[in-house]
């Protein structure tokens, strides 16, 4: 060792997580496959999101109003 600072070192470890591997990962993949058709609603345009909320709000008001 020469100089004031030692060479850079690194350390890495991996601990397998059975709950993640066998429960959560398959569950989330299943949910993602089922919900992927809804991605068509996600455009990134604020005015469409406001329109979606207005339509849902009107539908809920009509539903609770008994129409």
N, C-alpha and C. Protein backbone atom coordinates (compact mmCIF):
# COMPACT_ATOMS: atom_id res chain seq x y z
N UNK A 1 0.85 -1.17 0.00
CA UNK A 1 0.00 0.00 0.00
C UNK A 1 0.89 1.23 0.00
N UNK A 2 0.71 2.00 -1.02
CA UNK A 2 1.45 3.24 -1.07
C UNK A 2 0.47 4.39 -1.13
N UNK A 3 0.82 5.51 -0.60
CA UNK A 3 -0.05 6.67 -0.62
C UNK A 3 -0.91 6.73 0.65
N UNK A 4 -1.76 7.73 0.69
CA UNK A 4 -2.57 7.95 1.88
C UNK A 4 -3.87 7.15 1.89
N UNK A 5 -4.39 6.84 0.70
CA UNK A 5 -5.67 6.15 0.61
C UNK A 5 -5.47 4.77 -0.01
N UNK A 6 -6.12 3.75 0.54
CA UNK A 6 -5.99 2.41 -0.05
C UNK A 6 -6.77 2.33 -1.36
N UNK A 7 -6.54 1.27 -2.10
CA UNK A 7 -7.27 1.05 -3.35
C UNK A 7 -8.75 0.85 -3.03
N UNK A 8 -9.59 1.15 -4.01
CA UNK A 8 -11.02 0.95 -3.79
C UNK A 8 -11.33 -0.54 -3.72
N UNK A 9 -12.23 -0.88 -2.86
CA UNK A 9 -12.63 -2.27 -2.69
C UNK A 9 -14.14 -2.36 -2.87
N UNK A 10 -14.61 -3.54 -3.07
CA UNK A 10 -16.04 -3.75 -3.22
C UNK A 10 -16.46 -5.05 -2.57
N UNK A 11 -17.73 -5.11 -2.24
CA UNK A 11 -18.29 -6.30 -1.63
C UNK A 11 -19.71 -6.46 -2.13
N UNK A 12 -20.05 -7.65 -2.51
CA UNK A 12 -21.42 -7.93 -2.97
C UNK A 12 -21.85 -9.26 -2.41
N UNK A 13 -23.11 -9.32 -2.04
CA UNK A 13 -23.68 -10.56 -1.53
C UNK A 13 -25.10 -10.69 -2.05
N UNK A 14 -25.57 -11.90 -2.10
CA UNK A 14 -26.94 -12.13 -2.55
C UNK A 14 -27.58 -13.17 -1.65
N UNK A 15 -28.73 -12.81 -1.12
CA UNK A 15 -29.48 -13.72 -0.28
C UNK A 15 -30.79 -14.03 -0.99
N UNK A 16 -31.03 -15.26 -1.35
CA UNK A 16 -32.27 -15.59 -2.04
C UNK A 16 -33.48 -15.37 -1.14
N UNK A 17 -34.55 -14.90 -1.72
CA UNK A 17 -35.78 -14.64 -0.99
C UNK A 17 -36.88 -15.53 -1.57
N UNK A 18 -37.19 -16.64 -0.91
CA UNK A 18 -38.18 -17.57 -1.45
C UNK A 18 -39.57 -16.95 -1.61
N UNK A 19 -39.97 -16.09 -0.69
CA UNK A 19 -41.30 -15.47 -0.79
C UNK A 19 -41.38 -14.61 -2.04
N UNK A 20 -40.33 -13.88 -2.32
CA UNK A 20 -40.32 -13.04 -3.52
C UNK A 20 -40.30 -13.89 -4.78
N UNK A 21 -39.47 -14.92 -4.77
CA UNK A 21 -39.30 -15.75 -5.96
C UNK A 21 -40.53 -16.59 -6.26
N UNK A 22 -41.16 -17.17 -5.26
CA UNK A 22 -42.24 -18.13 -5.50
C UNK A 22 -43.64 -17.57 -5.27
N UNK A 23 -43.76 -16.45 -4.57
CA UNK A 23 -45.09 -15.91 -4.30
C UNK A 23 -45.33 -14.58 -5.00
N UNK A 24 -44.51 -13.58 -4.66
CA UNK A 24 -44.78 -12.23 -5.13
C UNK A 24 -44.47 -12.03 -6.61
N UNK A 25 -43.36 -12.53 -7.11
CA UNK A 25 -43.02 -12.35 -8.53
C UNK A 25 -44.07 -12.97 -9.45
N UNK A 26 -44.48 -14.23 -9.22
CA UNK A 26 -45.53 -14.78 -10.09
C UNK A 26 -46.87 -14.04 -9.94
N UNK A 27 -47.19 -13.64 -8.72
CA UNK A 27 -48.44 -12.91 -8.50
C UNK A 27 -48.45 -11.59 -9.25
N UNK A 28 -47.36 -10.84 -9.17
CA UNK A 28 -47.29 -9.55 -9.85
C UNK A 28 -47.24 -9.72 -11.37
N UNK A 29 -46.59 -10.77 -11.86
CA UNK A 29 -46.60 -11.03 -13.31
C UNK A 29 -48.01 -11.34 -13.79
N UNK A 30 -48.76 -12.14 -13.02
CA UNK A 30 -50.14 -12.46 -13.37
C UNK A 30 -51.00 -11.20 -13.40
N UNK A 31 -50.87 -10.37 -12.38
CA UNK A 31 -51.64 -9.12 -12.32
C UNK A 31 -51.27 -8.21 -13.49
N UNK A 32 -49.98 -8.11 -13.80
CA UNK A 32 -49.54 -7.25 -14.90
C UNK A 32 -50.11 -7.73 -16.23
N UNK A 33 -50.13 -9.06 -16.44
CA UNK A 33 -50.71 -9.59 -17.68
C UNK A 33 -52.20 -9.30 -17.77
N UNK A 34 -52.90 -9.42 -16.65
CA UNK A 34 -54.34 -9.18 -16.64
C UNK A 34 -54.69 -7.71 -16.85
N UNK A 35 -53.85 -6.80 -16.33
CA UNK A 35 -54.15 -5.37 -16.42
C UNK A 35 -53.52 -4.69 -17.63
N UNK A 36 -52.72 -5.39 -18.40
CA UNK A 36 -52.05 -4.77 -19.54
C UNK A 36 -53.01 -4.19 -20.57
N UNK A 37 -54.23 -4.74 -20.78
CA UNK A 37 -55.14 -4.07 -21.72
C UNK A 37 -55.55 -2.66 -21.28
N UNK A 38 -55.45 -2.37 -20.00
CA UNK A 38 -55.80 -1.03 -19.52
C UNK A 38 -54.74 0.01 -19.83
N UNK A 39 -53.57 -0.42 -20.30
CA UNK A 39 -52.52 0.53 -20.64
C UNK A 39 -52.93 1.46 -21.76
N UNK A 40 -53.93 1.06 -22.54
CA UNK A 40 -54.40 1.90 -23.64
C UNK A 40 -55.02 3.20 -23.09
N UNK A 41 -55.47 3.17 -21.84
CA UNK A 41 -56.05 4.37 -21.22
C UNK A 41 -54.99 5.36 -20.75
N UNK A 42 -53.75 4.92 -20.68
CA UNK A 42 -52.68 5.76 -20.16
C UNK A 42 -51.95 6.44 -21.31
N UNK A 43 -52.33 7.69 -21.58
CA UNK A 43 -51.75 8.42 -22.71
C UNK A 43 -50.69 9.41 -22.28
N UNK A 44 -50.77 9.89 -21.05
CA UNK A 44 -49.86 10.92 -20.59
C UNK A 44 -50.39 12.32 -20.84
N UNK A 45 -51.66 12.42 -21.21
CA UNK A 45 -52.27 13.73 -21.47
C UNK A 45 -53.24 14.06 -20.34
N UNK A 46 -52.97 15.18 -19.68
CA UNK A 46 -53.73 15.57 -18.50
C UNK A 46 -55.21 15.75 -18.83
N UNK A 47 -55.52 16.37 -19.97
CA UNK A 47 -56.93 16.63 -20.28
C UNK A 47 -57.73 15.34 -20.43
N UNK A 48 -57.10 14.27 -20.88
CA UNK A 48 -57.82 12.99 -20.96
C UNK A 48 -58.07 12.41 -19.58
N UNK A 49 -57.10 12.57 -18.67
CA UNK A 49 -57.29 12.08 -17.31
C UNK A 49 -58.42 12.84 -16.61
N UNK A 50 -58.50 14.15 -16.84
CA UNK A 50 -59.59 14.93 -16.27
C UNK A 50 -60.92 14.49 -16.87
N UNK A 51 -60.94 14.19 -18.16
CA UNK A 51 -62.15 13.69 -18.80
C UNK A 51 -62.56 12.35 -18.20
N UNK A 52 -61.60 11.44 -17.99
CA UNK A 52 -61.90 10.15 -17.37
C UNK A 52 -62.54 10.35 -16.00
N UNK A 53 -61.96 11.24 -15.19
CA UNK A 53 -62.49 11.49 -13.86
C UNK A 53 -63.89 12.08 -13.92
N UNK A 54 -64.14 12.99 -14.86
CA UNK A 54 -65.46 13.60 -14.99
C UNK A 54 -66.49 12.56 -15.41
N UNK A 55 -66.15 11.70 -16.34
CA UNK A 55 -67.08 10.65 -16.77
C UNK A 55 -67.40 9.70 -15.63
N UNK A 56 -66.40 9.29 -14.88
CA UNK A 56 -66.62 8.39 -13.74
C UNK A 56 -67.46 9.08 -12.68
N UNK A 57 -67.18 10.35 -12.40
CA UNK A 57 -67.95 11.09 -11.41
C UNK A 57 -69.42 11.20 -11.82
N UNK A 58 -69.67 11.52 -13.06
CA UNK A 58 -71.05 11.61 -13.55
C UNK A 58 -71.73 10.24 -13.47
N UNK A 59 -71.03 9.19 -13.85
CA UNK A 59 -71.60 7.84 -13.78
C UNK A 59 -71.93 7.47 -12.34
N UNK A 60 -71.07 7.79 -11.40
CA UNK A 60 -71.33 7.49 -10.00
C UNK A 60 -72.51 8.31 -9.47
N UNK A 61 -72.60 9.57 -9.86
CA UNK A 61 -73.71 10.39 -9.41
C UNK A 61 -75.03 9.86 -9.97
N UNK A 62 -75.04 9.45 -11.22
CA UNK A 62 -76.25 8.88 -11.81
C UNK A 62 -76.63 7.56 -11.14
N UNK A 63 -75.62 6.76 -10.82
CA UNK A 63 -75.86 5.47 -10.18
C UNK A 63 -76.43 5.64 -8.79
N UNK A 64 -75.83 6.55 -8.00
CA UNK A 64 -76.31 6.77 -6.64
C UNK A 64 -77.61 7.55 -6.63
N UNK A 65 -77.89 8.29 -7.69
CA UNK A 65 -79.12 9.06 -7.77
C UNK A 65 -80.32 8.20 -8.15
N UNK A 66 -80.06 6.98 -8.58
CA UNK A 66 -81.13 6.06 -8.89
C UNK A 66 -81.64 6.15 -10.32
N UNK A 67 -80.89 6.74 -11.21
CA UNK A 67 -81.34 6.86 -12.59
C UNK A 67 -81.03 5.63 -13.37
